[in-house]
Every structure is written in structure tokens, then in C-alpha cells.
């Protein structure tokens, strides 16, 4: 918080660096309740998207075999490619 530059990155923050920062707190939380609920919904949707992305990657990793490759020593490693059914989605 000591650097005043556009795009500056503060590498490590200690309590003394942020002790004097003012954090606005409303007198009546009803004023910002909709914003808080929207933020909570955003964070839930982000967590759901992250979980779905991870599941997709795991499924893809399991569905697509590691291709066979020949090492510099001439050894074949990996799994033979299995093309599976013609149209696995339908």
C-alpha cells in the first residue's frame, strides 16, 4: 500500500499496511442487502462452475486415453487409442 503506481502489485501485506484503511459500513444493512445477496449468488455460481469444470476435466481425462508414443529408445508407451462407439453422445 506504499506504492502509488498504476498496476502496482503489493507482494506482502502486514497489518500495519492496512491498519489505517477505512472500510465503509452502512448504518442500515437493508440499504446494501440486495448487493450482498447478489455477491453471495455470484460466489455460489462461481463455485458451481468450478466444480463443473473440474468434473468435465476428470471425465475428459478418463474418456480420452493417453496416446501411444515411441520413446527415443524405440519403446512404445501409452495406451492404444480406442475410438469407441461411432456417436457416444446419442
PDB file of N, CA and C in Angstrom:
ATOM      1  N   UNK A   1       0.818  -1.181   0.000  1.00  0.00           N
ATOM      2  CA  UNK A   1       0.000   0.000   0.000  1.00  0.00           C
ATOM      3  C   UNK A   1       0.870   1.256   0.000  1.00  0.00           C
ATOM      4  N   UNK A   2       2.150   1.069  -0.028  1.00  0.00           N
ATOM      5  CA  UNK A   2       3.056   2.199  -0.010  1.00  0.00           C
ATOM      6  C   UNK A   2       3.370   2.717  -1.406  1.00  0.00           C
ATOM      7  N   UNK A   3       3.163   1.878  -2.420  1.00  0.00           N
ATOM      8  CA  UNK A   3       3.470   2.280  -3.791  1.00  0.00           C
ATOM      9  C   UNK A   3       2.225   2.891  -4.415  1.00  0.00           C
ATOM     10  N   UNK A   4       2.385   4.048  -5.021  1.00  0.00           N
ATOM     11  CA  UNK A   4       1.266   4.706  -5.670  1.00  0.00           C
ATOM     12  C   UNK A   4       1.529   4.725  -7.165  1.00  0.00           C
ATOM     13  N   UNK A   5       1.416   3.549  -7.787  1.00  0.00           N
ATOM     14  CA  UNK A   5       1.633   3.409  -9.226  1.00  0.00           C
ATOM     15  C   UNK A   5       0.493   2.634  -9.828  1.00  0.00           C
ATOM     16  N   UNK A   6       0.175   2.960 -11.067  1.00  0.00           N
ATOM     17  CA  UNK A   6      -0.846   2.209 -11.781  1.00  0.00           C
ATOM     18  C   UNK A   6      -0.335   0.788 -12.010  1.00  0.00           C
ATOM     19  N   UNK A   7      -1.114  -0.199 -11.634  1.00  0.00           N
ATOM     20  CA  UNK A   7      -0.736  -1.591 -11.861  1.00  0.00           C
ATOM     21  C   UNK A   7       0.268  -2.116 -10.857  1.00  0.00           C
ATOM     22  N   UNK A   8       0.527  -1.397  -9.783  1.00  0.00           N
ATOM     23  CA  UNK A   8       1.493  -1.865  -8.787  1.00  0.00           C
ATOM     24  C   UNK A   8       0.947  -3.089  -8.063  1.00  0.00           C
ATOM     25  N   UNK A   9       1.827  -4.002  -7.733  1.00  0.00           N
ATOM     26  CA  UNK A   9       1.443  -5.206  -7.009  1.00  0.00           C
ATOM     27  C   UNK A   9       2.115  -5.163  -5.643  1.00  0.00           C
ATOM     28  N   UNK A  10       1.312  -5.223  -4.605  1.00  0.00           N
ATOM     29  CA  UNK A  10       1.856  -5.282  -3.251  1.00  0.00           C
ATOM     30  C   UNK A  10       2.092  -6.748  -2.939  1.00  0.00           C
ATOM     31  N   UNK A  11       3.334  -7.147  -2.778  1.00  0.00           N
ATOM     32  CA  UNK A  11       3.670  -8.551  -2.637  1.00  0.00           C
ATOM     33  C   UNK A  11       3.257  -9.147  -1.302  1.00  0.00           C
ATOM     34  N   UNK A  12       3.317  -8.363  -0.258  1.00  0.00           N
ATOM     35  CA  UNK A  12       3.004  -8.911   1.061  1.00  0.00           C
ATOM     36  C   UNK A  12       2.402  -7.803   1.913  1.00  0.00           C
ATOM     37  N   UNK A  13       1.280  -8.081   2.532  1.00  0.00           N
ATOM     38  CA  UNK A  13       0.625  -7.085   3.366  1.00  0.00           C
ATOM     39  C   UNK A  13       0.726  -7.495   4.835  1.00  0.00           C
ATOM     40  N   UNK A  14       1.132  -6.570   5.643  1.00  0.00           N
ATOM     41  CA  UNK A  14       1.164  -6.751   7.087  1.00  0.00           C
ATOM     42  C   UNK A  14       0.017  -5.934   7.663  1.00  0.00           C
ATOM     43  N   UNK A  15      -0.415  -6.255   8.875  1.00  0.00           N
ATOM     44  CA  UNK A  15      -1.495  -5.464   9.482  1.00  0.00           C
ATOM     45  C   UNK A  15      -1.203  -3.962   9.502  1.00  0.00           C
ATOM     46  N   UNK A  16       0.042  -3.598   9.690  1.00  0.00           N
ATOM     47  CA  UNK A  16       0.373  -2.166   9.727  1.00  0.00           C
ATOM     48  C   UNK A  16       0.139  -1.487   8.376  1.00  0.00           C
ATOM     49  N   UNK A  17       0.201  -2.251   7.286  1.00  0.00           N
ATOM     50  CA  UNK A  17      -0.020  -1.679   5.960  1.00  0.00           C
ATOM     51  C   UNK A  17      -1.482  -1.281   5.738  1.00  0.00           C
ATOM     52  N   UNK A  18      -2.388  -1.989   6.364  1.00  0.00           N
ATOM     53  CA  UNK A  18      -3.816  -1.750   6.117  1.00  0.00           C
ATOM     54  C   UNK A  18      -4.553  -1.226   7.345  1.00  0.00           C
ATOM     55  N   UNK A  19      -3.842  -0.983   8.425  1.00  0.00           N
ATOM     56  CA  UNK A  19      -4.478  -0.574   9.683  1.00  0.00           C
ATOM     57  C   UNK A  19      -5.267   0.718   9.542  1.00  0.00           C
ATOM     58  N   UNK A  20      -4.814   1.625   8.698  1.00  0.00           N
ATOM     59  CA  UNK A  20      -5.473   2.924   8.586  1.00  0.00           C
ATOM     60  C   UNK A  20      -6.494   3.008   7.450  1.00  0.00           C
ATOM     61  N   UNK A  21      -6.730   1.891   6.746  1.00  0.00           N
ATOM     62  CA  UNK A  21      -7.729   1.916   5.680  1.00  0.00           C
ATOM     63  C   UNK A  21      -9.124   2.002   6.277  1.00  0.00           C
ATOM     64  N   UNK A  22      -9.929   2.859   5.705  1.00  0.00           N
ATOM     65  CA  UNK A  22     -11.309   2.992   6.169  1.00  0.00           C
ATOM     66  C   UNK A  22     -12.196   2.029   5.392  1.00  0.00           C
ATOM     67  N   UNK A  23     -13.046   1.329   6.101  1.00  0.00           N
ATOM     68  CA  UNK A  23     -13.981   0.397   5.484  1.00  0.00           C
ATOM     69  C   UNK A  23     -15.385   0.920   5.757  1.00  0.00           C
ATOM     70  N   UNK A  24     -16.088   1.336   4.708  1.00  0.00           N
ATOM     71  CA  UNK A  24     -17.431   1.887   4.933  1.00  0.00           C
ATOM     72  C   UNK A  24     -18.405   0.794   5.374  1.00  0.00           C
ATOM     73  N   UNK A  25     -19.122   1.065   6.442  1.00  0.00           N
ATOM     74  CA  UNK A  25     -20.136   0.145   6.952  1.00  0.00           C
ATOM     75  C   UNK A  25     -21.439   0.943   7.053  1.00  0.00           C
ATOM     76  N   UNK A  26     -22.486   0.465   6.396  1.00  0.00           N
ATOM     77  CA  UNK A  26     -23.736   1.235   6.417  1.00  0.00           C
ATOM     78  C   UNK A  26     -24.395   1.187   7.801  1.00  0.00           C
ATOM     79  N   UNK A  27     -25.085   2.259   8.143  1.00  0.00           N
ATOM     80  CA  UNK A  27     -25.844   2.281   9.401  1.00  0.00           C
ATOM     81  C   UNK A  27     -26.995   1.283   9.342  1.00  0.00           C
ATOM     82  N   UNK A  28     -27.578   1.137   8.156  1.00  0.00           N
ATOM     83  CA  UNK A  28     -28.702   0.223   7.976  1.00  0.00           C
ATOM     84  C   UNK A  28     -28.338  -0.778   6.870  1.00  0.00           C
ATOM     85  N   UNK A  29     -28.178  -2.046   7.232  1.00  0.00           N
ATOM     86  CA  UNK A  29     -27.763  -3.074   6.274  1.00  0.00           C
ATOM     87  C   UNK A  29     -28.827  -3.335   5.209  1.00  0.00           C
ATOM     88  N   UNK A  30     -30.053  -2.897   5.448  1.00  0.00           N
ATOM     89  CA  UNK A  30     -31.095  -3.053   4.428  1.00  0.00           C
ATOM     90  C   UNK A  30     -30.718  -2.321   3.149  1.00  0.00           C
ATOM     91  N   UNK A  31     -29.946  -1.264   3.282  1.00  0.00           N
ATOM     92  CA  UNK A  31     -29.542  -0.455   2.139  1.00  0.00           C
ATOM     93  C   UNK A  31     -28.696  -1.275   1.172  1.00  0.00           C
ATOM     94  N   UNK A  32     -27.862  -2.171   1.677  1.00  0.00           N
ATOM     95  CA  UNK A  32     -26.946  -2.934   0.821  1.00  0.00           C
ATOM     96  C   UNK A  32     -27.299  -4.425   0.770  1.00  0.00           C
ATOM     97  N   UNK A  33     -28.421  -4.806   1.353  1.00  0.00           N
ATOM     98  CA  UNK A  33     -28.796  -6.226   1.398  1.00  0.00           C
ATOM     99  C   UNK A  33     -28.865  -6.852   0.011  1.00  0.00           C
ATOM    100  N   UNK A  34     -29.428  -6.146  -0.956  1.00  0.00           N
ATOM    101  CA  UNK A  34     -29.536  -6.679  -2.328  1.00  0.00           C
ATOM    102  C   UNK A  34     -28.142  -6.896  -2.926  1.00  0.00           C
ATOM    103  N   UNK A  35     -27.223  -5.985  -2.661  1.00  0.00           N
ATOM    104  CA  UNK A  35     -25.864  -6.125  -3.187  1.00  0.00           C
ATOM    105  C   UNK A  35     -25.180  -7.324  -2.539  1.00  0.00           C
ATOM    106  N   UNK A  36     -25.344  -7.482  -1.229  1.00  0.00           N
ATOM    107  CA  UNK A  36     -24.749  -8.613  -0.521  1.00  0.00           C
ATOM    108  C   UNK A  36     -25.312  -9.923  -1.055  1.00  0.00           C
ATOM    109  N   UNK A  37     -26.614  -9.986  -1.256  1.00  0.00           N
ATOM    110  CA  UNK A  37     -27.230 -11.209  -1.798  1.00  0.00           C
ATOM    111  C   UNK A  37     -26.734 -11.496  -3.206  1.00  0.00           C
ATOM    112  N   UNK A  38     -26.583 -10.461  -4.012  1.00  0.00           N
ATOM    113  CA  UNK A  38     -26.060 -10.660  -5.371  1.00  0.00           C
ATOM    114  C   UNK A  38     -24.625 -11.184  -5.326  1.00  0.00           C
ATOM    115  N   UNK A  39     -23.818 -10.655  -4.421  1.00  0.00           N
ATOM    116  CA  UNK A  39     -22.436 -11.125  -4.290  1.00  0.00           C
ATOM    117  C   UNK A  39     -22.414 -12.588  -3.846  1.00  0.00           C
ATOM    118  N   UNK A  40     -23.264 -12.939  -2.888  1.00  0.00           N
ATOM    119  CA  UNK A  40     -23.331 -14.332  -2.435  1.00  0.00           C
ATOM    120  C   UNK A  40     -23.745 -15.256  -3.578  1.00  0.00           C
ATOM    121  N   UNK A  41     -24.729 -14.833  -4.374  1.00  0.00           N
ATOM    122  CA  UNK A  41     -25.173 -15.640  -5.518  1.00  0.00           C
ATOM    123  C   UNK A  41     -24.050 -15.784  -6.535  1.00  0.00           C
ATOM    124  N   UNK A  42     -23.294 -14.715  -6.749  1.00  0.00           N
ATOM    125  CA  UNK A  42     -22.167 -14.782  -7.671  1.00  0.00           C
ATOM    126  C   UNK A  42     -21.135 -15.794  -7.188  1.00  0.00           C
ATOM    127  N   UNK A  43     -20.788 -15.741  -5.904  1.00  0.00           N
ATOM    128  CA  UNK A  43     -19.787 -16.665  -5.371  1.00  0.00           C
ATOM    129  C   UNK A  43     -20.278 -18.116  -5.445  1.00  0.00           C
ATOM    130  N   UNK A  44     -21.575 -18.342  -5.170  1.00  0.00           N
ATOM    131  CA  UNK A  44     -22.122 -19.700  -5.292  1.00  0.00           C
ATOM    132  C   UNK A  44     -22.047 -20.181  -6.734  1.00  0.00           C
ATOM    133  N   UNK A  45     -22.389 -19.316  -7.681  1.00  0.00           N
ATOM    134  CA  UNK A  45     -22.361 -19.720  -9.090  1.00  0.00           C
ATOM    135  C   UNK A  45     -20.932 -19.985  -9.551  1.00  0.00           C
ATOM    136  N   UNK A  46     -19.984 -19.214  -9.053  1.00  0.00           N
ATOM    137  CA  UNK A  46     -18.567 -19.429  -9.386  1.00  0.00           C
ATOM    138  C   UNK A  46     -18.104 -20.777  -8.844  1.00  0.00           C
ATOM    139  N   UNK A  47     -18.479 -21.106  -7.609  1.00  0.00           N
ATOM    140  CA  UNK A  47     -18.114 -22.403  -7.036  1.00  0.00           C
ATOM    141  C   UNK A  47     -18.738 -23.544  -7.835  1.00  0.00           C
ATOM    142  N   UNK A  48     -20.003 -23.377  -8.246  1.00  0.00           N
ATOM    143  CA  UNK A  48     -20.671 -24.397  -9.050  1.00  0.00           C
ATOM    144  C   UNK A  48     -19.980 -24.560 -10.393  1.00  0.00           C
ATOM    145  N   UNK A  49     -19.609 -23.450 -11.020  1.00  0.00           N
ATOM    146  CA  UNK A  49     -18.911 -23.514 -12.308  1.00  0.00           C
ATOM    147  C   UNK A  49     -17.551 -24.186 -12.155  1.00  0.00           C
ATOM    148  N   UNK A  50     -16.835 -23.881 -11.084  1.00  0.00           N
ATOM    149  CA  UNK A  50     -15.534 -24.516 -10.842  1.00  0.00           C
ATOM    150  C   UNK A  50     -15.685 -26.022 -10.649  1.00  0.00           C
ATOM    151  N   UNK A  51     -16.704 -26.435  -9.893  1.00  0.00           N
ATOM    152  CA  UNK A  51     -16.950 -27.867  -9.686  1.00  0.00           C
ATOM    153  C   UNK A  51     -17.296 -28.554 -11.004  1.00  0.00           C
ATOM    154  N   UNK A  52     -18.123 -27.910 -11.825  1.00  0.00           N
ATOM    155  CA  UNK A  52     -18.500 -28.485 -13.117  1.00  0.00           C
ATOM    156  C   UNK A  52     -17.287 -28.575 -14.045  1.00  0.00           C
ATOM    157  N   UNK A  53     -16.439 -27.565 -14.016  1.00  0.00           N
ATOM    158  CA  UNK A  53     -15.239 -27.582 -14.844  1.00  0.00           C
ATOM    159  C   UNK A  53     -14.314 -28.714 -14.426  1.00  0.00           C
ATOM    160  N   UNK A  54     -14.140 -28.894 -13.125  1.00  0.00           N
ATOM    161  CA  UNK A  54     -13.286 -29.978 -12.635  1.00  0.00           C
ATOM    162  C   UNK A  54     -13.866 -31.336 -13.023  1.00  0.00           C
ATOM    163  N   UNK A  55     -15.187 -31.512 -12.876  1.00  0.00           N
ATOM    164  CA  UNK A  55     -15.825 -32.778 -13.261  1.00  0.00           C
ATOM    165  C   UNK A  55     -15.662 -33.033 -14.751  1.00  0.00           C
ATOM    166  N   UNK A  56     -15.781 -31.984 -15.561  1.00  0.00           N
ATOM    167  CA  UNK A  56     -15.616 -32.129 -17.001  1.00  0.00           C
ATOM    168  C   UNK A  56     -14.194 -32.588 -17.334  1.00  0.00           C
ATOM    169  N   UNK A  57     -13.203 -31.970 -16.708  1.00  0.00           N
ATOM    170  CA  UNK A  57     -11.820 -32.341 -16.979  1.00  0.00           C
ATOM    171  C   UNK A  57     -11.520 -33.770 -16.541  1.00  0.00           C
ATOM    172  N   UNK A  58     -12.069 -34.167 -15.396  1.00  0.00           N
ATOM    173  CA  UNK A  58     -11.883 -35.550 -14.933  1.00  0.00           C
ATOM    174  C   UNK A  58     -12.530 -36.509 -15.921  1.00  0.00           C
ATOM    175  N   UNK A  59     -13.762 -36.204 -16.348  1.00  0.00           N
ATOM    176  CA  UNK A  59     -14.451 -37.054 -17.317  1.00  0.00           C
ATOM    177  C   UNK A  59     -13.703 -37.135 -18.631  1.00  0.00           C
ATOM    178  N   UNK A  60     -13.181 -36.020 -19.079  1.00  0.00           N
ATOM    179  CA  UNK A  60     -12.429 -35.993 -20.330  1.00  0.00           C
ATOM    180  C   UNK A  60     -11.153 -36.817 -20.207  1.00  0.00           C
ATOM    181  N   UNK A  61     -10.470 -36.675 -19.086  1.00  0.00           N
ATOM    182  CA  UNK A  61      -9.242 -37.436 -18.854  1.00  0.00           C
ATOM    183  C   UNK A  61      -9.519 -38.930 -18.842  1.00  0.00           C
ATOM    184  N   UNK A  62     -10.642 -39.322 -18.253  1.00  0.00           N
ATOM    185  CA  UNK A  62     -10.997 -40.743 -18.212  1.00  0.00           C
ATOM    186  C   UNK A  62     -11.483 -41.242 -19.570  1.00  0.00           C
ATOM    187  N   UNK A  63     -12.132 -40.390 -20.347  1.00  0.00           N
ATOM    188  CA  UNK A  63     -12.710 -40.813 -21.620  1.00  0.00           C
ATOM    189  C   UNK A  63     -11.693 -40.872 -22.754  1.00  0.00           C
ATOM    190  N   UNK A  64     -10.704 -40.015 -22.711  1.00  0.00           N
ATOM    191  CA  UNK A  64      -9.720 -39.948 -23.795  1.00  0.00           C
ATOM    192  C   UNK A  64      -8.441 -40.620 -23.315  1.00  0.00           C
ATOM    193  N   UNK A  65      -8.095 -41.741 -23.917  1.00  0.00           N
ATOM    194  CA  UNK A  65      -6.901 -42.454 -23.462  1.00  0.00           C
ATOM    195  C   UNK A  65      -5.623 -41.712 -23.824  1.00  0.00           C
ATOM    196  N   UNK A  66      -4.602 -42.008 -23.081  1.00  0.00           N
ATOM    197  CA  UNK A  66      -3.292 -41.448 -23.383  1.00  0.00           C
ATOM    198  C   UNK A  66      -2.809 -42.066 -24.688  1.00  0.00           C
ATOM    199  N   UNK A  67      -2.364 -41.274 -25.635  1.00  0.00           N
ATOM    200  CA  UNK A  67      -1.940 -41.845 -26.918  1.00  0.00           C
ATOM    201  C   UNK A  67      -0.624 -42.617 -26.780  1.00  0.00           C
ATOM    202  N   UNK A  68      -0.445 -43.549 -27.681  1.00  0.00           N
ATOM    203  CA  UNK A  68       0.816 -44.276 -27.718  1.00  0.00           C
ATOM    204  C   UNK A  68       1.873 -43.411 -28.378  1.00  0.00           C
ATOM    205  N   UNK A  69       3.046 -43.419 -27.806  1.00  0.00           N
ATOM    206  CA  UNK A  69       4.165 -42.695 -28.398  1.00  0.00           C
ATOM    207  C   UNK A  69       5.404 -43.574 -28.330  1.00  0.00           C
ATOM    208  N   UNK A  70       6.303 -43.307 -29.225  1.00  0.00           N
ATOM    209  CA  UNK A  70       7.562 -44.050 -29.235  1.00  0.00           C
ATOM    210  C   UNK A  70       8.635 -43.191 -28.595  1.00  0.00           C
ATOM    211  N   UNK A  71       9.311 -43.754 -27.605  1.00  0.00           N
ATOM    212  CA  UNK A  71      10.378 -43.022 -26.935  1.00  0.00           C
ATOM    213  C   UNK A  71      11.619 -43.017 -27.814  1.00  0.00           C
ATOM    214  N   UNK A  72      12.610 -42.241 -27.415  1.00  0.00           N
ATOM    215  CA  UNK A  72      13.863 -42.181 -28.182  1.00  0.00           C
ATOM    216  C   UNK A  72      14.568 -43.536 -28.183  1.00  0.00           C
ATOM    217  N   UNK A  73      14.239 -44.407 -27.209  1.00  0.00           N
ATOM    218  CA  UNK A  73      14.836 -45.744 -27.157  1.00  0.00           C
ATOM    219  C   UNK A  73      14.042 -46.741 -28.002  1.00  0.00           C
ATOM    220  N   UNK A  74      12.984 -46.267 -28.678  1.00  0.00           N
ATOM    221  CA  UNK A  74      12.188 -47.149 -29.519  1.00  0.00           C
ATOM    222  C   UNK A  74      11.098 -47.892 -28.767  1.00  0.00           C
ATOM    223  N   UNK A  75      10.898 -47.578 -27.502  1.00  0.00           N
ATOM    224  CA  UNK A  75       9.876 -48.237 -26.689  1.00  0.00           C
ATOM    225  C   UNK A  75       8.533 -47.551 -26.912  1.00  0.00           C
ATOM    226  N   UNK A  76       7.462 -48.348 -27.049  1.00  0.00           N
ATOM    227  CA  UNK A  76       6.109 -47.805 -27.212  1.00  0.00           C
ATOM    228  C   UNK A  76       5.492 -47.693 -25.823  1.00  0.00           C
ATOM    229  N   UNK A  77       5.049 -46.471 -25.466  1.00  0.00           N
ATOM    230  CA  UNK A  77       4.399 -46.251 -24.170  1.00  0.00           C
ATOM    231  C   UNK A  77       3.040 -45.622 -24.410  1.00  0.00           C
ATOM    232  N   UNK A  78       2.151 -45.764 -23.422  1.00  0.00           N
ATOM    233  CA  UNK A  78       0.801 -45.229 -23.543  1.00  0.00           C
ATOM    234  C   UNK A  78      -0.173 -46.324 -23.905  1.00  0.00           C
ATOM    235  N   UNK A  79      -1.421 -45.941 -24.025  1.00  0.00           N
ATOM    236  CA  UNK A  79      -2.485 -46.888 -24.328  1.00  0.00           C
ATOM    237  C   UNK A  79      -2.835 -46.841 -25.802  1.00  0.00           C
ATOM    238  N   UNK A  80      -3.218 -47.979 -26.377  1.00  0.00           N
ATOM    239  CA  UNK A  80      -3.720 -47.930 -27.754  1.00  0.00           C
ATOM    240  C   UNK A  80      -4.991 -47.085 -27.784  1.00  0.00           C
ATOM    241  N   UNK A  81      -5.172 -46.325 -28.827  1.00  0.00           N
ATOM    242  CA  UNK A  81      -6.355 -45.476 -28.940  1.00  0.00           C
ATOM    243  C   UNK A  81      -7.568 -46.311 -29.284  1.00  0.00           C
ATOM    244  N   UNK A  82      -8.609 -46.191 -28.435  1.00  0.00           N
ATOM    245  CA  UNK A  82      -9.872 -46.894 -28.641  1.00  0.00           C
ATOM    246  C   UNK A  82     -10.861 -45.861 -29.157  1.00  0.00           C
ATOM    247  N   UNK A  83     -11.327 -45.996 -30.376  1.00  0.00           N
ATOM    248  CA  UNK A  83     -12.231 -44.997 -30.939  1.00  0.00           C
ATOM    249  C   UNK A  83     -13.619 -45.071 -30.349  1.00  0.00           C
ATOM    250  N   UNK A  84     -13.992 -46.172 -29.699  1.00  0.00           N
ATOM    251  CA  UNK A  84     -15.296 -46.274 -29.044  1.00  0.00           C
ATOM    252  C   UNK A  84     -16.430 -46.316 -30.040  1.00  0.00           C
ATOM    253  N   UNK A  85     -17.671 -46.108 -29.556  1.00  0.00           N
ATOM    254  CA  UNK A  85     -18.831 -46.128 -30.462  1.00  0.00           C
ATOM    255  C   UNK A  85     -18.760 -44.958 -31.445  1.00  0.00           C
ATOM    256  N   UNK A  86     -19.462 -45.121 -32.553  1.00  0.00           N
ATOM    257  CA  UNK A  86     -19.447 -44.119 -33.608  1.00  0.00           C
ATOM    258  C   UNK A  86     -19.945 -42.765 -33.112  1.00  0.00           C
ATOM    259  N   UNK A  87     -21.003 -42.737 -32.290  1.00  0.00           N
ATOM    260  CA  UNK A  87     -21.550 -41.496 -31.777  1.00  0.00           C
ATOM    261  C   UNK A  87     -21.915 -41.695 -30.312  1.00  0.00           C
ATOM    262  N   UNK A  88     -20.991 -41.500 -29.377  1.00  0.00           N
ATOM    263  CA  UNK A  88     -21.245 -41.788 -27.985  1.00  0.00           C
ATOM    264  C   UNK A  88     -22.233 -40.844 -27.317  1.00  0.00           C
ATOM    265  N   UNK A  89     -22.547 -39.702 -27.927  1.00  0.00           N
ATOM    266  CA  UNK A  89     -23.440 -38.736 -27.305  1.00  0.00           C
ATOM    267  C   UNK A  89     -24.899 -39.141 -27.471  1.00  0.00           C
ATOM    268  N   UNK A  90     -25.225 -39.793 -28.551  1.00  0.00           N
ATOM    269  CA  UNK A  90     -26.642 -40.123 -28.801  1.00  0.00           C
ATOM    270  C   UNK A  90     -27.009 -41.461 -28.279  1.00  0.00           C
TER     271      UNK A  90
END
